[in-house]
C-alpha cells in the first residue's frame, strides 16, 4: 500500500463577486468603510405600522434612525444619523404607476437637492426589482443601480448598474455574531467602499414597497 501525506479536507467553495472598482458615494463619503459593514434592521416595523425605528451595527450601536413625518399627504420618511441630524428624506411620488420614491438631501424637497429616484422596474412583479437613478441620470440610459430579490425572503441584492457587481446584500436571517438579530430582523451586509447610508435608504424604500404590496401600512 502506497504511503504518503494524507489528503487535506476540502475547503467549502466561496461565492465571489467582482469587487467595486471605484468608491460608490451617494449620500456622503463619511459613510464609506474599508471593510464590510454589517447592520440590523427590524422587518416587523413595516408590517405593524410602526413609524420610528433604529438601524444598528452588530454590537448594538445605533448608526441611523428612521422617522415618519406625521400629518403628511404623502408617505415621507427621514433618515437621520445617531445624533438625530437629518441626512436625507424619502418621499413617495403621488400618482405614480411604478410606485416611485424620490430622495432629497436633508429635509428639502427642491429639485436641486434631489439625490436619486427609485422605482419598480415593472408594474407587476412576482419578485421585487427596483431601478435606481441618480439625479444627474440621462433619460433613456440604464439604471445607475438595481435592487433584485424579495424583501423578507431568502435574499436581496443591490447591484451596480445592470452588472453583476454586488454592492450590498440583505437577508431575512443572517448569522451575525450578535444577539441583536432575531427572527424578525433583517441582516444587511454592505461591501467595502460602498456608501452604507445610501444602502439603508434603499432598504427603507424596499420595505415600504413590499409592505404596500402585502397590504401593510
C-alpha atoms as a PDB file:
ATOM      1  CA  UNK A   1       0.000   0.000   0.000  1.00  0.00           C
ATOM      2  CA  UNK A   2       1.423   3.335  -1.017  1.00  0.00           C
ATOM      3  CA  UNK A   3       2.205   5.698   1.751  1.00  0.00           C
ATOM      4  CA  UNK A   4       2.186   9.431   1.602  1.00  0.00           C
ATOM      5  CA  UNK A   5       0.722  12.546   3.067  1.00  0.00           C
ATOM      6  CA  UNK A   6      -2.977  12.263   3.870  1.00  0.00           C
ATOM      7  CA  UNK A   7      -5.153  14.446   1.679  1.00  0.00           C
ATOM      8  CA  UNK A   8      -6.337  17.593   3.391  1.00  0.00           C
ATOM      9  CA  UNK A   9     -10.013  18.180   3.998  1.00  0.00           C
ATOM     10  CA  UNK A  10     -11.647  20.086   1.169  1.00  0.00           C
ATOM     11  CA  UNK A  11     -12.436  23.742   1.815  1.00  0.00           C
ATOM     12  CA  UNK A  12     -16.008  24.822   1.001  1.00  0.00           C
ATOM     13  CA  UNK A  13     -16.233  26.987  -2.059  1.00  0.00           C
ATOM     14  CA  UNK A  14     -16.837  30.676  -1.547  1.00  0.00           C
ATOM     15  CA  UNK A  15     -19.081  32.696  -3.789  1.00  0.00           C
ATOM     16  CA  UNK A  16     -17.136  35.639  -5.150  1.00  0.00           C
ATOM     17  CA  UNK A  17     -18.326  38.809  -6.800  1.00  0.00           C
ATOM     18  CA  UNK A  18     -16.478  41.403  -8.838  1.00  0.00           C
ATOM     19  CA  UNK A  19     -15.016  43.994  -6.454  1.00  0.00           C
ATOM     20  CA  UNK A  20     -16.127  47.599  -6.528  1.00  0.00           C
ATOM     21  CA  UNK A  21     -13.537  49.362  -8.667  1.00  0.00           C
ATOM     22  CA  UNK A  22     -14.382  52.877  -7.507  1.00  0.00           C
ATOM     23  CA  UNK A  23     -15.969  54.115  -4.262  1.00  0.00           C
ATOM     24  CA  UNK A  24     -19.758  54.402  -4.504  1.00  0.00           C
ATOM     25  CA  UNK A  25     -20.754  57.678  -2.838  1.00  0.00           C
ATOM     26  CA  UNK A  26     -24.335  58.944  -2.968  1.00  0.00           C
ATOM     27  CA  UNK A  27     -25.181  60.455   0.433  1.00  0.00           C
ATOM     28  CA  UNK A  28     -21.670  61.171   1.695  1.00  0.00           C
ATOM     29  CA  UNK A  29     -18.053  59.908   1.733  1.00  0.00           C
ATOM     30  CA  UNK A  30     -18.160  59.697   5.542  1.00  0.00           C
ATOM     31  CA  UNK A  31     -20.316  56.581   5.077  1.00  0.00           C
ATOM     32  CA  UNK A  32     -17.617  54.642   3.267  1.00  0.00           C
ATOM     33  CA  UNK A  33     -15.700  51.907   5.071  1.00  0.00           C
ATOM     34  CA  UNK A  34     -12.687  49.858   4.016  1.00  0.00           C
ATOM     35  CA  UNK A  35     -14.345  46.720   5.392  1.00  0.00           C
ATOM     36  CA  UNK A  36     -17.776  45.068   5.056  1.00  0.00           C
ATOM     37  CA  UNK A  37     -20.371  46.858   7.192  1.00  0.00           C
ATOM     38  CA  UNK A  38     -22.991  44.648   8.861  1.00  0.00           C
ATOM     39  CA  UNK A  39     -26.245  46.241  10.016  1.00  0.00           C
ATOM     40  CA  UNK A  40     -29.520  45.072  11.539  1.00  0.00           C
ATOM     41  CA  UNK A  41     -32.996  46.363  10.686  1.00  0.00           C
ATOM     42  CA  UNK A  42     -36.265  45.074  12.172  1.00  0.00           C
ATOM     43  CA  UNK A  43     -38.610  43.817   9.469  1.00  0.00           C
ATOM     44  CA  UNK A  44     -41.761  43.836  11.613  1.00  0.00           C
ATOM     45  CA  UNK A  45     -41.660  47.618  11.787  1.00  0.00           C
ATOM     46  CA  UNK A  46     -43.328  47.817   8.395  1.00  0.00           C
ATOM     47  CA  UNK A  47     -45.898  45.101   8.977  1.00  0.00           C
ATOM     48  CA  UNK A  48     -47.028  46.512  12.336  1.00  0.00           C
ATOM     49  CA  UNK A  49     -47.265  50.058  11.056  1.00  0.00           C
ATOM     50  CA  UNK A  50     -44.671  51.425  13.462  1.00  0.00           C
ATOM     51  CA  UNK A  51     -43.048  54.574  12.168  1.00  0.00           C
ATOM     52  CA  UNK A  52     -39.828  55.281  14.057  1.00  0.00           C
ATOM     53  CA  UNK A  53     -37.021  52.759  14.341  1.00  0.00           C
ATOM     54  CA  UNK A  54     -33.251  52.473  14.567  1.00  0.00           C
ATOM     55  CA  UNK A  55     -30.580  50.762  12.489  1.00  0.00           C
ATOM     56  CA  UNK A  56     -27.745  49.230  14.494  1.00  0.00           C
ATOM     57  CA  UNK A  57     -24.433  47.543  13.878  1.00  0.00           C
ATOM     58  CA  UNK A  58     -23.610  44.038  15.108  1.00  0.00           C
ATOM     59  CA  UNK A  59     -22.549  45.404  18.513  1.00  0.00           C
ATOM     60  CA  UNK A  60     -25.925  47.059  19.035  1.00  0.00           C
ATOM     61  CA  UNK A  61     -24.609  50.575  18.446  1.00  0.00           C
ATOM     62  CA  UNK A  62     -27.231  52.810  16.824  1.00  0.00           C
ATOM     63  CA  UNK A  63     -25.967  54.059  13.473  1.00  0.00           C
ATOM     64  CA  UNK A  64     -29.128  55.537  11.933  1.00  0.00           C
ATOM     65  CA  UNK A  65     -32.687  56.453  12.864  1.00  0.00           C
ATOM     66  CA  UNK A  66     -35.705  56.452  10.556  1.00  0.00           C
ATOM     67  CA  UNK A  67     -38.755  58.589  11.328  1.00  0.00           C
ATOM     68  CA  UNK A  68     -42.021  59.348   9.560  1.00  0.00           C
ATOM     69  CA  UNK A  69     -43.485  62.794   9.003  1.00  0.00           C
ATOM     70  CA  UNK A  70     -46.884  62.920  10.667  1.00  0.00           C
ATOM     71  CA  UNK A  71     -49.947  64.563   9.074  1.00  0.00           C
ATOM     72  CA  UNK A  72     -48.356  64.410   5.645  1.00  0.00           C
ATOM     73  CA  UNK A  73     -50.360  63.936   2.446  1.00  0.00           C
ATOM     74  CA  UNK A  74     -47.700  61.627   1.036  1.00  0.00           C
ATOM     75  CA  UNK A  75     -45.594  58.872   2.534  1.00  0.00           C
ATOM     76  CA  UNK A  76     -42.395  60.551   3.700  1.00  0.00           C
ATOM     77  CA  UNK A  77     -39.535  59.152   5.774  1.00  0.00           C
ATOM     78  CA  UNK A  78     -36.450  60.781   7.233  1.00  0.00           C
ATOM     79  CA  UNK A  79     -33.093  59.026   7.527  1.00  0.00           C
ATOM     80  CA  UNK A  80     -31.133  60.525  10.413  1.00  0.00           C
ATOM     81  CA  UNK A  81     -27.765  59.860  11.971  1.00  0.00           C
ATOM     82  CA  UNK A  82     -27.428  58.614  15.546  1.00  0.00           C
ATOM     83  CA  UNK A  83     -27.466  62.195  16.843  1.00  0.00           C
ATOM     84  CA  UNK A  84     -30.785  62.930  15.123  1.00  0.00           C
ATOM     85  CA  UNK A  85     -29.450  65.022  12.239  1.00  0.00           C
ATOM     86  CA  UNK A  86     -31.459  64.502   9.038  1.00  0.00           C
ATOM     87  CA  UNK A  87     -29.297  63.114   6.252  1.00  0.00           C
ATOM     88  CA  UNK A  88     -31.966  62.610   3.590  1.00  0.00           C
ATOM     89  CA  UNK A  89     -35.710  62.399   3.279  1.00  0.00           C
ATOM     90  CA  UNK A  90     -37.533  59.811   1.203  1.00  0.00           C
ATOM     91  CA  UNK A  91     -40.780  60.896  -0.392  1.00  0.00           C
ATOM     92  CA  UNK A  92     -43.202  58.747  -2.330  1.00  0.00           C
ATOM     93  CA  UNK A  93     -44.249  60.390  -5.569  1.00  0.00           C
ATOM     94  CA  UNK A  94     -48.007  60.838  -5.776  1.00  0.00           C
ATOM     95  CA  UNK A  95     -49.819  59.431  -8.832  1.00  0.00           C
ATOM     96  CA  UNK A  96     -47.001  57.138  -9.903  1.00  0.00           C
ATOM     97  CA  UNK A  97     -47.839  53.834 -11.604  1.00  0.00           C
ATOM     98  CA  UNK A  98     -44.477  52.273 -10.770  1.00  0.00           C
ATOM     99  CA  UNK A  99     -44.527  53.448  -7.138  1.00  0.00           C
ATOM    100  CA  UNK A 100     -41.712  55.963  -7.432  1.00  0.00           C
ATOM    101  CA  UNK A 101     -39.739  57.321  -4.470  1.00  0.00           C
ATOM    102  CA  UNK A 102     -37.589  60.450  -4.582  1.00  0.00           C
ATOM    103  CA  UNK A 103     -34.740  61.054  -2.140  1.00  0.00           C
ATOM    104  CA  UNK A 104     -33.565  64.561  -1.229  1.00  0.00           C
ATOM    105  CA  UNK A 105     -30.713  65.865   0.868  1.00  0.00           C
ATOM    106  CA  UNK A 106     -31.679  66.970   4.378  1.00  0.00           C
ATOM    107  CA  UNK A 107     -35.321  67.972   4.746  1.00  0.00           C
ATOM    108  CA  UNK A 108     -35.523  69.684   1.370  1.00  0.00           C
ATOM    109  CA  UNK A 109     -37.855  68.677  -1.423  1.00  0.00           C
ATOM    110  CA  UNK A 110     -36.410  71.026  -4.040  1.00  0.00           C
ATOM    111  CA  UNK A 111     -35.185  69.647  -7.333  1.00  0.00           C
ATOM    112  CA  UNK A 112     -31.645  70.966  -6.774  1.00  0.00           C
ATOM    113  CA  UNK A 113     -31.366  68.822  -3.640  1.00  0.00           C
ATOM    114  CA  UNK A 114     -32.592  65.589  -5.196  1.00  0.00           C
ATOM    115  CA  UNK A 115     -30.034  62.777  -4.895  1.00  0.00           C
ATOM    116  CA  UNK A 116     -31.741  59.815  -6.536  1.00  0.00           C
ATOM    117  CA  UNK A 117     -35.028  58.224  -7.585  1.00  0.00           C
ATOM    118  CA  UNK A 118     -36.200  54.650  -7.005  1.00  0.00           C
ATOM    119  CA  UNK A 119     -38.996  52.953  -8.923  1.00  0.00           C
ATOM    120  CA  UNK A 120     -40.268  49.466  -9.614  1.00  0.00           C
ATOM    121  CA  UNK A 121     -38.769  48.060 -12.800  1.00  0.00           C
ATOM    122  CA  UNK A 122     -42.152  46.665 -13.855  1.00  0.00           C
ATOM    123  CA  UNK A 123     -45.694  47.441 -12.825  1.00  0.00           C
ATOM    124  CA  UNK A 124     -46.460  43.800 -11.948  1.00  0.00           C
ATOM    125  CA  UNK A 125     -43.738  41.725 -10.307  1.00  0.00           C
ATOM    126  CA  UNK A 126     -43.526  38.316  -8.676  1.00  0.00           C
ATOM    127  CA  UNK A 127     -40.209  39.274  -7.117  1.00  0.00           C
ATOM    128  CA  UNK A 128     -39.176  42.797  -6.369  1.00  0.00           C
ATOM    129  CA  UNK A 129     -36.905  44.528  -8.850  1.00  0.00           C
ATOM    130  CA  UNK A 130     -36.169  48.225  -8.459  1.00  0.00           C
ATOM    131  CA  UNK A 131     -34.371  50.700 -10.706  1.00  0.00           C
ATOM    132  CA  UNK A 132     -32.311  53.435  -9.042  1.00  0.00           C
ATOM    133  CA  UNK A 133     -31.453  56.607 -10.960  1.00  0.00           C
ATOM    134  CA  UNK A 134     -29.069  59.279  -9.700  1.00  0.00           C
ATOM    135  CA  UNK A 135     -30.181  62.893 -10.026  1.00  0.00           C
ATOM    136  CA  UNK A 136     -27.826  63.549 -12.946  1.00  0.00           C
ATOM    137  CA  UNK A 137     -29.054  60.474 -14.830  1.00  0.00           C
ATOM    138  CA  UNK A 138     -29.803  60.962 -18.520  1.00  0.00           C
ATOM    139  CA  UNK A 139     -33.208  59.746 -19.647  1.00  0.00           C
ATOM    140  CA  UNK A 140     -33.049  56.559 -21.680  1.00  0.00           C
ATOM    141  CA  UNK A 141     -29.859  55.281 -20.080  1.00  0.00           C
ATOM    142  CA  UNK A 142     -29.665  52.130 -17.976  1.00  0.00           C
ATOM    143  CA  UNK A 143     -30.298  52.493 -14.229  1.00  0.00           C
ATOM    144  CA  UNK A 144     -27.323  53.500 -12.098  1.00  0.00           C
ATOM    145  CA  UNK A 145     -28.206  50.749  -9.589  1.00  0.00           C
ATOM    146  CA  UNK A 146     -30.586  47.803  -9.367  1.00  0.00           C
ATOM    147  CA  UNK A 147     -32.246  46.109  -6.416  1.00  0.00           C
ATOM    148  CA  UNK A 148     -33.143  42.483  -7.063  1.00  0.00           C
ATOM    149  CA  UNK A 149     -34.756  39.839  -4.909  1.00  0.00           C
ATOM    150  CA  UNK A 150     -37.628  39.675  -2.479  1.00  0.00           C
ATOM    151  CA  UNK A 151     -37.606  41.614   0.769  1.00  0.00           C
ATOM    152  CA  UNK A 152     -38.011  39.405   3.811  1.00  0.00           C
ATOM    153  CA  UNK A 153     -37.404  36.161   1.936  1.00  0.00           C
ATOM    154  CA  UNK A 154     -34.172  34.405   1.005  1.00  0.00           C
ATOM    155  CA  UNK A 155     -32.047  37.325  -0.159  1.00  0.00           C
ATOM    156  CA  UNK A 156     -31.982  40.630  -1.921  1.00  0.00           C
ATOM    157  CA  UNK A 157     -29.037  42.347  -3.593  1.00  0.00           C
ATOM    158  CA  UNK A 158     -28.093  45.868  -4.612  1.00  0.00           C
ATOM    159  CA  UNK A 159     -26.167  45.826  -7.882  1.00  0.00           C
ATOM    160  CA  UNK A 160     -24.079  48.402  -9.691  1.00  0.00           C
ATOM    161  CA  UNK A 161     -25.987  49.367 -12.820  1.00  0.00           C
ATOM    162  CA  UNK A 162     -27.001  46.435 -14.984  1.00  0.00           C
ATOM    163  CA  UNK A 163     -23.923  44.434 -13.948  1.00  0.00           C
ATOM    164  CA  UNK A 164     -23.327  41.565 -11.540  1.00  0.00           C
ATOM    165  CA  UNK A 165     -21.212  43.735  -9.223  1.00  0.00           C
ATOM    166  CA  UNK A 166     -22.851  43.377  -5.811  1.00  0.00           C
ATOM    167  CA  UNK A 167     -22.777  46.437  -3.549  1.00  0.00           C
ATOM    168  CA  UNK A 168     -24.828  45.035  -0.675  1.00  0.00           C
ATOM    169  CA  UNK A 169     -26.942  42.037   0.290  1.00  0.00           C
ATOM    170  CA  UNK A 170     -29.920  41.675   2.613  1.00  0.00           C
ATOM    171  CA  UNK A 171     -31.082  38.534   4.355  1.00  0.00           C
ATOM    172  CA  UNK A 172     -34.102  37.803   6.488  1.00  0.00           C
ATOM    173  CA  UNK A 173     -31.847  35.907   8.862  1.00  0.00           C
ATOM    174  CA  UNK A 174     -28.109  36.236   8.948  1.00  0.00           C
ATOM    175  CA  UNK A 175     -25.594  34.578  11.229  1.00  0.00           C
ATOM    176  CA  UNK A 176     -24.151  37.771  12.653  1.00  0.00           C
ATOM    177  CA  UNK A 177     -22.205  37.202  15.848  1.00  0.00           C
ATOM    178  CA  UNK A 178     -24.645  39.216  17.913  1.00  0.00           C
ATOM    179  CA  UNK A 179     -27.937  38.705  19.685  1.00  0.00           C
ATOM    180  CA  UNK A 180     -29.210  41.890  18.101  1.00  0.00           C
ATOM    181  CA  UNK A 181     -30.599  39.926  15.156  1.00  0.00           C
ATOM    182  CA  UNK A 182     -33.729  37.954  15.969  1.00  0.00           C
ATOM    183  CA  UNK A 183     -36.101  36.085  13.633  1.00  0.00           C
ATOM    184  CA  UNK A 184     -37.843  39.387  12.887  1.00  0.00           C
ATOM    185  CA  UNK A 185     -34.658  41.135  11.833  1.00  0.00           C
ATOM    186  CA  UNK A 186     -33.023  41.769   8.512  1.00  0.00           C
ATOM    187  CA  UNK A 187     -29.271  41.480   8.169  1.00  0.00           C
ATOM    188  CA  UNK A 188     -27.637  43.891   5.747  1.00  0.00           C
ATOM    189  CA  UNK A 189     -24.052  43.454   4.556  1.00  0.00           C
ATOM    190  CA  UNK A 190     -22.575  46.428   2.707  1.00  0.00           C
ATOM    191  CA  UNK A 191     -19.398  45.760   0.754  1.00  0.00           C
ATOM    192  CA  UNK A 192     -16.266  47.895   1.269  1.00  0.00           C
ATOM    193  CA  UNK A 193     -16.165  51.335  -0.380  1.00  0.00           C
ATOM    194  CA  UNK A 194     -19.951  51.486  -0.696  1.00  0.00           C
ATOM    195  CA  UNK A 195     -21.987  54.293   0.902  1.00  0.00           C
ATOM    196  CA  UNK A 196     -23.848  52.398   3.634  1.00  0.00           C
ATOM    197  CA  UNK A 197     -26.222  55.312   4.341  1.00  0.00           C
ATOM    198  CA  UNK A 198     -27.352  55.034   0.708  1.00  0.00           C
ATOM    199  CA  UNK A 199     -27.915  51.299   1.127  1.00  0.00           C
ATOM    200  CA  UNK A 200     -30.014  51.875   4.271  1.00  0.00           C
ATOM    201  CA  UNK A 201     -32.164  54.379   2.360  1.00  0.00           C
ATOM    202  CA  UNK A 202     -32.770  51.707  -0.296  1.00  0.00           C
ATOM    203  CA  UNK A 203     -33.696  49.188   2.410  1.00  0.00           C
ATOM    204  CA  UNK A 204     -36.316  51.585   3.807  1.00  0.00           C
ATOM    205  CA  UNK A 205     -37.841  52.158   0.358  1.00  0.00           C
ATOM    206  CA  UNK A 206     -37.773  48.434  -0.406  1.00  0.00           C
ATOM    207  CA  UNK A 207     -39.580  47.759   2.848  1.00  0.00           C
ATOM    208  CA  UNK A 208     -42.267  50.328   2.100  1.00  0.00           C
ATOM    209  CA  UNK A 209     -42.870  48.999  -1.419  1.00  0.00           C
ATOM    210  CA  UNK A 210     -43.189  45.429  -0.190  1.00  0.00           C
ATOM    211  CA  UNK A 211     -45.413  46.434   2.716  1.00  0.00           C
ATOM    212  CA  UNK A 212     -47.757  48.124   0.258  1.00  0.00           C
ATOM    213  CA  UNK A 213     -47.766  45.044  -1.974  1.00  0.00           C
ATOM    214  CA  UNK A 214     -48.576  42.845   1.012  1.00  0.00           C
ATOM    215  CA  UNK A 215     -51.256  45.128   2.395  1.00  0.00           C
ATOM    216  CA  UNK A 216     -49.118  46.598   5.177  1.00  0.00           C
ATOM    217  CA  UNK A 217     -49.203  50.158   6.499  1.00  0.00           C
END
